[in-house]
Amino acid sequence: MKHPLLAALLAALALLPFASRAAQPGSSAPTTVASSAASAPLVDGLVKKIDPAAGRVTIAHGPIPNIGMPAMTMVFKLKDPSWGARLKAGEQIRFSADEVNGQLIVTRLEGSR
């Protein structure tokens, strides 16, 4: 290229939107469990099965609007695997769930012992 300074300037300008977005609080960064858990609604559920070793729980639940899921029975990964030890099959709970990297994760749990 005949104008290396112009090429460097264009390259810097092309990266500018990414740098400014990452530096701003509340930016539209990729969704994480921590940022989305606060806004996810609590949903009623019934614990059907617990797999503490795998950190998973099967829950019959009502609609989960933040992930567009209708009422059904599903297996969820627990954000904190130690929650599995607190749960009991047949227990009524309230929980929040989110989809992170293609996995359904219980991000908040209420009603367990």
C-alpha atoms as a PDB file:
ATOM      1  CA  MET A   1       0.000   0.000   0.000  1.00  0.00           C
ATOM      2  CA  LYS A   2       1.350   3.464  -0.892  1.00  0.00           C
ATOM      3  CA  HIS A   3       0.129   5.184   2.298  1.00  0.00           C
ATOM      4  CA  PRO A   4       1.042   3.124   5.390  1.00  0.00           C
ATOM      5  CA  LEU A   5      -0.118   5.908   7.717  1.00  0.00           C
ATOM      6  CA  LEU A   6      -3.554   5.903   6.086  1.00  0.00           C
ATOM      7  CA  ALA A   7      -3.750   2.096   6.403  1.00  0.00           C
ATOM      8  CA  ALA A   8      -2.847   2.271  10.123  1.00  0.00           C
ATOM      9  CA  LEU A   9      -5.438   4.994  10.721  1.00  0.00           C
ATOM     10  CA  LEU A  10      -8.172   2.990   8.976  1.00  0.00           C
ATOM     11  CA  ALA A  11      -7.278  -0.120  11.000  1.00  0.00           C
ATOM     12  CA  ALA A  12      -7.440   1.832  14.264  1.00  0.00           C
ATOM     13  CA  LEU A  13     -10.810   3.347  13.328  1.00  0.00           C
ATOM     14  CA  ALA A  14     -12.189  -0.090  12.471  1.00  0.00           C
ATOM     15  CA  LEU A  15     -11.377  -1.345  15.999  1.00  0.00           C
ATOM     16  CA  LEU A  16     -12.708   1.742  17.807  1.00  0.00           C
ATOM     17  CA  PRO A  17     -16.324   0.534  18.276  1.00  0.00           C
ATOM     18  CA  PHE A  18     -15.114  -2.661  19.980  1.00  0.00           C
ATOM     19  CA  ALA A  19     -12.801  -0.836  22.366  1.00  0.00           C
ATOM     20  CA  SER A  20     -15.378   1.751  23.421  1.00  0.00           C
ATOM     21  CA  ARG A  21     -18.114  -0.859  23.999  1.00  0.00           C
ATOM     22  CA  ALA A  22     -15.877  -3.013  26.207  1.00  0.00           C
ATOM     23  CA  ALA A  23     -14.899  -0.018  28.352  1.00  0.00           C
ATOM     24  CA  GLN A  24     -18.456   1.111  29.098  1.00  0.00           C
ATOM     25  CA  PRO A  25     -20.314  -0.243  32.118  1.00  0.00           C
ATOM     26  CA  GLY A  26     -23.617  -1.799  31.108  1.00  0.00           C
ATOM     27  CA  SER A  27     -22.344  -2.445  27.604  1.00  0.00           C
ATOM     28  CA  SER A  28     -23.906  -5.100  25.429  1.00  0.00           C
ATOM     29  CA  ALA A  29     -21.228  -7.654  26.295  1.00  0.00           C
ATOM     30  CA  PRO A  30     -22.007 -11.355  25.955  1.00  0.00           C
ATOM     31  CA  THR A  31     -24.595 -12.624  28.435  1.00  0.00           C
ATOM     32  CA  THR A  32     -23.239 -14.239  31.568  1.00  0.00           C
ATOM     33  CA  VAL A  33     -25.017 -16.076  34.345  1.00  0.00           C
ATOM     34  CA  ALA A  34     -24.213 -13.270  36.783  1.00  0.00           C
ATOM     35  CA  SER A  35     -25.635 -10.446  34.672  1.00  0.00           C
ATOM     36  CA  SER A  36     -28.760 -12.233  33.514  1.00  0.00           C
ATOM     37  CA  ALA A  37     -29.597 -14.004  36.781  1.00  0.00           C
ATOM     38  CA  ALA A  38     -30.697 -10.761  38.403  1.00  0.00           C
ATOM     39  CA  SER A  39     -33.339 -10.131  35.749  1.00  0.00           C
ATOM     40  CA  ALA A  40     -34.580 -13.717  35.350  1.00  0.00           C
ATOM     41  CA  PRO A  41     -38.001 -14.262  36.985  1.00  0.00           C
ATOM     42  CA  LEU A  42     -38.603 -16.864  39.675  1.00  0.00           C
ATOM     43  CA  VAL A  43     -40.645 -19.822  38.406  1.00  0.00           C
ATOM     44  CA  ASP A  44     -42.524 -22.471  40.409  1.00  0.00           C
ATOM     45  CA  GLY A  45     -41.171 -25.965  40.059  1.00  0.00           C
ATOM     46  CA  LEU A  46     -41.337 -29.481  41.444  1.00  0.00           C
ATOM     47  CA  VAL A  47     -38.090 -31.406  41.869  1.00  0.00           C
ATOM     48  CA  LYS A  48     -38.442 -34.773  40.135  1.00  0.00           C
ATOM     49  CA  LYS A  49     -34.886 -36.130  40.272  1.00  0.00           C
ATOM     50  CA  ILE A  50     -31.479 -34.982  41.504  1.00  0.00           C
ATOM     51  CA  ASP A  51     -28.075 -36.041  40.192  1.00  0.00           C
ATOM     52  CA  PRO A  52     -25.675 -34.388  42.667  1.00  0.00           C
ATOM     53  CA  ALA A  53     -22.588 -35.986  41.113  1.00  0.00           C
ATOM     54  CA  ALA A  54     -23.370 -34.365  37.757  1.00  0.00           C
ATOM     55  CA  GLY A  55     -24.704 -31.137  39.297  1.00  0.00           C
ATOM     56  CA  ARG A  56     -28.057 -31.594  37.534  1.00  0.00           C
ATOM     57  CA  VAL A  57     -31.696 -31.595  38.581  1.00  0.00           C
ATOM     58  CA  THR A  58     -34.894 -32.574  36.771  1.00  0.00           C
ATOM     59  CA  ILE A  59     -37.685 -30.041  37.390  1.00  0.00           C
ATOM     60  CA  ALA A  60     -41.356 -30.004  36.353  1.00  0.00           C
ATOM     61  CA  HIS A  61     -41.903 -26.272  35.932  1.00  0.00           C
ATOM     62  CA  GLY A  62     -44.216 -23.549  34.719  1.00  0.00           C
ATOM     63  CA  PRO A  63     -43.360 -21.277  31.783  1.00  0.00           C
ATOM     64  CA  ILE A  64     -39.918 -19.650  31.875  1.00  0.00           C
ATOM     65  CA  PRO A  65     -40.490 -16.403  29.965  1.00  0.00           C
ATOM     66  CA  ASN A  66     -36.903 -15.125  29.818  1.00  0.00           C
ATOM     67  CA  ILE A  67     -35.855 -18.136  27.716  1.00  0.00           C
ATOM     68  CA  GLY A  68     -39.199 -18.634  25.955  1.00  0.00           C
ATOM     69  CA  MET A  69     -39.800 -22.072  27.432  1.00  0.00           C
ATOM     70  CA  PRO A  70     -43.339 -23.372  28.020  1.00  0.00           C
ATOM     71  CA  ALA A  71     -44.277 -25.474  31.044  1.00  0.00           C
ATOM     72  CA  MET A  72     -42.620 -28.909  30.906  1.00  0.00           C
ATOM     73  CA  THR A  73     -40.240 -31.229  32.718  1.00  0.00           C
ATOM     74  CA  MET A  74     -36.571 -30.601  31.952  1.00  0.00           C
ATOM     75  CA  VAL A  75     -33.086 -31.389  33.202  1.00  0.00           C
ATOM     76  CA  PHE A  76     -31.131 -28.310  34.296  1.00  0.00           C
ATOM     77  CA  LYS A  77     -27.517 -27.855  35.277  1.00  0.00           C
ATOM     78  CA  LEU A  78     -27.075 -26.216  38.695  1.00  0.00           C
ATOM     79  CA  LYS A  79     -25.030 -23.018  38.804  1.00  0.00           C
ATOM     80  CA  ASP A  80     -23.659 -24.253  42.126  1.00  0.00           C
ATOM     81  CA  PRO A  81     -23.399 -28.064  42.198  1.00  0.00           C
ATOM     82  CA  SER A  82     -23.635 -28.032  46.027  1.00  0.00           C
ATOM     83  CA  TRP A  83     -27.319 -27.060  45.655  1.00  0.00           C
ATOM     84  CA  GLY A  84     -27.998 -30.675  44.669  1.00  0.00           C
ATOM     85  CA  ALA A  85     -27.324 -31.825  48.241  1.00  0.00           C
ATOM     86  CA  ARG A  86     -30.044 -29.448  49.537  1.00  0.00           C
ATOM     87  CA  LEU A  87     -32.748 -30.693  47.188  1.00  0.00           C
ATOM     88  CA  LYS A  88     -35.148 -33.594  47.651  1.00  0.00           C
ATOM     89  CA  ALA A  89     -37.367 -35.283  45.045  1.00  0.00           C
ATOM     90  CA  GLY A  90     -40.960 -34.085  45.466  1.00  0.00           C
ATOM     91  CA  GLU A  91     -39.902 -30.705  46.890  1.00  0.00           C
ATOM     92  CA  GLN A  92     -41.650 -27.538  45.689  1.00  0.00           C
ATOM     93  CA  ILE A  93     -39.148 -24.825  44.728  1.00  0.00           C
ATOM     94  CA  ARG A  94     -38.942 -21.434  43.056  1.00  0.00           C
ATOM     95  CA  PHE A  95     -36.036 -20.964  40.711  1.00  0.00           C
ATOM     96  CA  SER A  96     -34.586 -18.836  37.953  1.00  0.00           C
ATOM     97  CA  ALA A  97     -33.031 -20.376  34.879  1.00  0.00           C
ATOM     98  CA  ASP A  98     -31.086 -19.072  31.935  1.00  0.00           C
ATOM     99  CA  GLU A  99     -29.485 -20.467  28.808  1.00  0.00           C
ATOM    100  CA  VAL A 100     -25.713 -20.046  28.802  1.00  0.00           C
ATOM    101  CA  ASN A 101     -23.562 -21.451  26.019  1.00  0.00           C
ATOM    102  CA  GLY A 102     -26.393 -23.749  24.974  1.00  0.00           C
ATOM    103  CA  GLN A 103     -26.960 -25.165  28.467  1.00  0.00           C
ATOM    104  CA  LEU A 104     -30.006 -24.575  30.659  1.00  0.00           C
ATOM    105  CA  ILE A 105     -28.750 -23.505  34.085  1.00  0.00           C
ATOM    106  CA  VAL A 106     -30.569 -22.915  37.379  1.00  0.00           C
ATOM    107  CA  THR A 107     -29.114 -19.560  38.393  1.00  0.00           C
ATOM    108  CA  ARG A 108     -31.150 -18.943  41.555  1.00  0.00           C
ATOM    109  CA  LEU A 109     -32.937 -21.311  43.903  1.00  0.00           C
ATOM    110  CA  GLU A 110     -35.458 -20.726  46.691  1.00  0.00           C
ATOM    111  CA  GLY A 111     -37.452 -23.109  48.820  1.00  0.00           C
ATOM    112  CA  SER A 112     -34.869 -25.794  49.385  1.00  0.00           C
ATOM    113  CA  ARG A 113     -33.815 -26.776  52.864  1.00  0.00           C
END
